[in-house]
């Protein structure tokens, strides 16, 4: 039992970590160029032949090591173990998610421009609250989307930028409402003062 547990722990410790596509080293064109140059040199120079052949063999070995290293790195890329159909499904899901987030950002951008009505006695709820509700529904639609994986476990779409933008929009909305309510209170206060002054002058 202990041997089985030790073997499992060793396997988990040896398991390679995943790499991103930018971390894969596939720079093999310079080596190929050097190999072609060494092959195309003057074959009539007998003294130079052994040295050129040795350099060419060395560069070919370097190219082989580079290719083996690239193969190992490619195996560590995320999604390599998935089938072609699963990869296409994941790609389609990511495209849909990107489109929904772009639409949501456009809606947030339009809701950030608040207009205070000229008539301060008007209804303070004249902001674009329907747009806010539709934006909230759009965010819920994005978060409820699940990415199909090989283990059939849903992955919720979570974006810190979207949450921060939504929080700022809501704060701006409440600030605008408070500003309008403050203007209404000031106007009512001025009206009361003017009425009291008129009454005193009348006496």
Protein backbone atom coordinates (compact mmCIF):
# COMPACT_ATOMS: atom_id res chain seq x y z
CA UNK A 1 0.00 0.00 0.00
CA UNK A 2 2.79 2.36 0.89
CA UNK A 3 4.59 1.55 -2.35
CA UNK A 4 1.47 2.41 -4.36
CA UNK A 5 1.10 5.72 -2.53
CA UNK A 6 4.78 6.54 -3.07
CA UNK A 7 4.49 5.80 -6.78
CA UNK A 8 1.42 8.01 -7.07
CA UNK A 9 3.16 10.85 -5.26
CA UNK A 10 6.19 10.52 -7.51
CA UNK A 11 3.96 10.64 -10.58
CA UNK A 12 2.19 13.77 -9.38
CA UNK A 13 5.50 15.43 -8.55
CA UNK A 14 6.98 14.59 -11.95
CA UNK A 15 3.87 15.74 -13.88
CA UNK A 16 4.98 18.63 -16.14
CA UNK A 17 3.31 21.98 -15.87
CA UNK A 18 1.41 23.45 -18.80
CA UNK A 19 2.99 26.00 -21.12
CA UNK A 20 1.56 28.81 -23.16
CA UNK A 21 2.05 29.11 -26.92
CA UNK A 22 4.48 32.02 -26.42
CA UNK A 23 6.79 29.87 -24.29
CA UNK A 24 7.30 27.19 -26.95
CA UNK A 25 10.76 27.52 -28.52
CA UNK A 26 10.56 26.65 -32.23
CA UNK A 27 13.40 28.79 -33.60
CA UNK A 28 14.89 26.25 -36.04
CA UNK A 29 15.25 28.33 -39.20
CA UNK A 30 18.74 29.69 -38.31
CA UNK A 31 20.06 26.14 -37.84
CA UNK A 32 18.53 24.99 -41.13
CA UNK A 33 20.10 27.98 -42.88
CA UNK A 34 23.54 27.18 -41.45
CA UNK A 35 23.22 23.53 -42.51
CA UNK A 36 22.30 24.52 -46.08
CA UNK A 37 25.20 26.97 -46.24
CA UNK A 38 27.70 24.37 -45.09
CA UNK A 39 26.40 21.90 -47.67
CA UNK A 40 26.54 24.40 -50.54
CA UNK A 41 30.20 25.36 -49.97
CA UNK A 42 32.92 24.65 -52.55
CA UNK A 43 33.34 20.85 -52.71
CA UNK A 44 36.71 21.06 -54.53
CA UNK A 45 38.58 22.32 -51.47
CA UNK A 46 39.85 19.05 -49.97
CA UNK A 47 41.27 20.65 -46.83
CA UNK A 48 37.98 22.28 -45.96
CA UNK A 49 35.81 19.19 -46.50
CA UNK A 50 36.41 17.42 -43.16
CA UNK A 51 35.85 20.58 -41.15
CA UNK A 52 32.66 21.44 -43.07
CA UNK A 53 31.29 17.93 -42.69
CA UNK A 54 32.00 17.99 -38.97
CA UNK A 55 30.28 21.36 -38.54
CA UNK A 56 27.33 20.13 -40.58
CA UNK A 57 26.97 17.00 -38.46
CA UNK A 58 27.13 19.09 -35.29
CA UNK A 59 24.44 21.45 -36.54
CA UNK A 60 22.24 18.53 -37.58
CA UNK A 61 22.50 17.14 -34.04
CA UNK A 62 21.56 20.53 -32.63
CA UNK A 63 18.58 20.66 -34.98
CA UNK A 64 17.49 17.19 -33.83
CA UNK A 65 17.70 18.24 -30.16
CA UNK A 66 15.76 21.40 -30.95
CA UNK A 67 13.00 19.42 -32.63
CA UNK A 68 12.78 16.95 -29.75
CA UNK A 69 12.58 19.80 -27.28
CA UNK A 70 9.83 21.47 -29.33
CA UNK A 71 7.85 18.21 -29.43
CA UNK A 72 8.03 17.89 -25.64
CA UNK A 73 6.91 21.50 -25.21
CA UNK A 74 4.01 21.06 -27.62
CA UNK A 75 2.78 18.10 -25.58
CA UNK A 76 2.53 20.43 -22.55
CA UNK A 77 0.29 22.96 -24.30
CA UNK A 78 -3.28 23.19 -22.96
CA UNK A 79 -5.88 21.39 -25.07
CA UNK A 80 -3.44 19.12 -26.92
CA UNK A 81 -5.01 16.04 -25.36
CA UNK A 82 -8.47 17.03 -26.66
CA UNK A 83 -9.92 15.69 -29.89
CA UNK A 84 -10.44 17.87 -32.96
CA UNK A 85 -14.19 18.15 -32.33
CA UNK A 86 -13.64 19.20 -28.71
CA UNK A 87 -11.09 21.80 -29.77
CA UNK A 88 -13.54 23.21 -32.35
CA UNK A 89 -16.28 23.38 -29.70
CA UNK A 90 -13.97 25.19 -27.30
CA UNK A 91 -12.90 27.63 -30.02
CA UNK A 92 -16.53 28.36 -30.92
CA UNK A 93 -17.36 28.90 -27.25
CA UNK A 94 -14.47 31.35 -26.82
CA UNK A 95 -15.58 33.28 -29.91
CA UNK A 96 -19.13 33.52 -28.57
CA UNK A 97 -17.88 34.63 -25.17
CA UNK A 98 -15.67 37.29 -26.75
CA UNK A 99 -18.59 38.62 -28.80
CA UNK A 100 -20.86 38.79 -25.74
CA UNK A 101 -18.23 40.61 -23.71
CA UNK A 102 -17.71 43.15 -26.48
CA UNK A 103 -21.45 43.81 -26.62
CA UNK A 104 -21.54 44.14 -22.84
CA UNK A 105 -18.66 46.64 -22.85
CA UNK A 106 -20.48 48.73 -25.46
CA UNK A 107 -23.60 48.77 -23.27
CA UNK A 108 -21.55 49.80 -20.23
CA UNK A 109 -19.97 52.57 -22.27
CA UNK A 110 -23.37 53.97 -23.25
CA UNK A 111 -24.75 53.77 -19.70
CA UNK A 112 -21.80 55.76 -18.31
CA UNK A 113 -22.99 58.97 -20.07
CA UNK A 114 -25.70 60.32 -17.74
CA UNK A 115 -27.74 63.39 -18.65
CA UNK A 116 -29.24 65.51 -15.85
CA UNK A 117 -32.64 66.83 -17.01
CA UNK A 118 -33.09 70.60 -17.28
CA UNK A 119 -36.32 70.46 -15.24
CA UNK A 120 -35.18 69.70 -11.69
CA UNK A 121 -38.77 68.86 -10.64
CA UNK A 122 -38.83 65.97 -13.08
CA UNK A 123 -38.63 62.39 -12.08
CA UNK A 124 -35.15 61.48 -10.81
CA UNK A 125 -35.52 57.98 -12.26
CA UNK A 126 -35.05 59.26 -15.81
CA UNK A 127 -31.72 57.45 -16.17
CA UNK A 128 -31.23 54.53 -18.48
CA UNK A 129 -32.21 51.90 -15.91
CA UNK A 130 -33.55 49.50 -18.60
CA UNK A 131 -30.12 49.58 -20.16
CA UNK A 132 -28.59 48.71 -16.80
CA UNK A 133 -30.99 45.80 -16.38
CA UNK A 134 -30.24 44.51 -19.86
CA UNK A 135 -26.51 44.83 -19.15
CA UNK A 136 -26.98 42.84 -15.95
CA UNK A 137 -28.85 40.17 -17.89
CA UNK A 138 -26.04 40.13 -20.47
CA UNK A 139 -23.46 39.61 -17.70
CA UNK A 140 -25.55 36.79 -16.25
CA UNK A 141 -25.77 35.22 -19.71
CA UNK A 142 -21.97 35.30 -20.03
CA UNK A 143 -21.40 33.90 -16.55
CA UNK A 144 -23.96 31.14 -17.10
CA UNK A 145 -22.18 29.96 -20.26
CA UNK A 146 -20.19 26.80 -19.71
CA UNK A 147 -17.16 25.64 -21.58
CA UNK A 148 -17.31 21.99 -22.71
CA UNK A 149 -14.31 20.14 -21.34
CA UNK A 150 -13.17 16.54 -21.41
CA UNK A 151 -14.33 16.08 -17.78
CA UNK A 152 -17.76 17.66 -18.49
CA UNK A 153 -17.23 20.20 -15.68
CA UNK A 154 -18.69 23.70 -16.26
CA UNK A 155 -16.25 26.57 -16.23
CA UNK A 156 -17.93 29.85 -15.29
CA UNK A 157 -16.80 32.89 -17.21
CA UNK A 158 -15.35 35.30 -14.67
CA UNK A 159 -13.83 38.66 -15.51
CA UNK A 160 -12.46 41.07 -12.95
CA UNK A 161 -12.57 43.92 -15.46
CA UNK A 162 -16.28 43.37 -16.11
CA UNK A 163 -17.11 43.34 -12.40
CA UNK A 164 -15.10 46.49 -11.81
CA UNK A 165 -16.77 48.26 -14.75
CA UNK A 166 -20.23 47.23 -13.52
CA UNK A 167 -19.42 48.49 -10.03
CA UNK A 168 -18.31 51.86 -11.42
CA UNK A 169 -21.47 52.14 -13.53
CA UNK A 170 -23.69 51.49 -10.52
CA UNK A 171 -21.75 54.00 -8.41
CA UNK A 172 -22.05 56.64 -11.12
CA UNK A 173 -25.78 55.94 -11.38
CA UNK A 174 -26.32 56.45 -7.64
CA UNK A 175 -24.16 59.58 -7.63
CA UNK A 176 -26.26 61.04 -10.42
CA UNK A 177 -29.47 60.28 -8.53
CA UNK A 178 -28.11 61.88 -5.37
CA UNK A 179 -27.05 64.96 -7.34
CA UNK A 180 -30.55 65.37 -8.78
CA UNK A 181 -32.17 64.86 -5.38
CA UNK A 182 -29.80 67.44 -3.91
CA UNK A 183 -30.76 69.95 -6.61
CA UNK A 184 -34.44 69.36 -5.88
CA UNK A 185 -33.91 69.93 -2.14
CA UNK A 186 -31.99 73.13 -2.80
CA UNK A 187 -34.71 74.43 -5.06
CA UNK A 188 -37.39 73.64 -2.53
CA UNK A 189 -35.34 75.38 0.16
CA UNK A 190 -34.96 78.51 -1.97
CA UNK A 191 -38.68 78.49 -2.69
CA UNK A 192 -39.49 78.31 1.03
CA UNK A 193 -37.10 81.17 1.80
CA UNK A 194 -38.57 83.30 -0.97
CA UNK A 195 -42.10 82.61 0.28
CA UNK A 196 -41.15 83.60 3.83
CA UNK A 197 -39.53 86.81 2.57
CA UNK A 198 -42.66 87.67 0.59
CA UNK A 199 -44.83 87.06 3.66
CA UNK A 200 -42.64 89.30 5.81
CA UNK A 201 -42.67 92.07 3.24
CA UNK A 202 -46.43 91.78 3.02
CA UNK A 203 -46.75 92.43 6.76
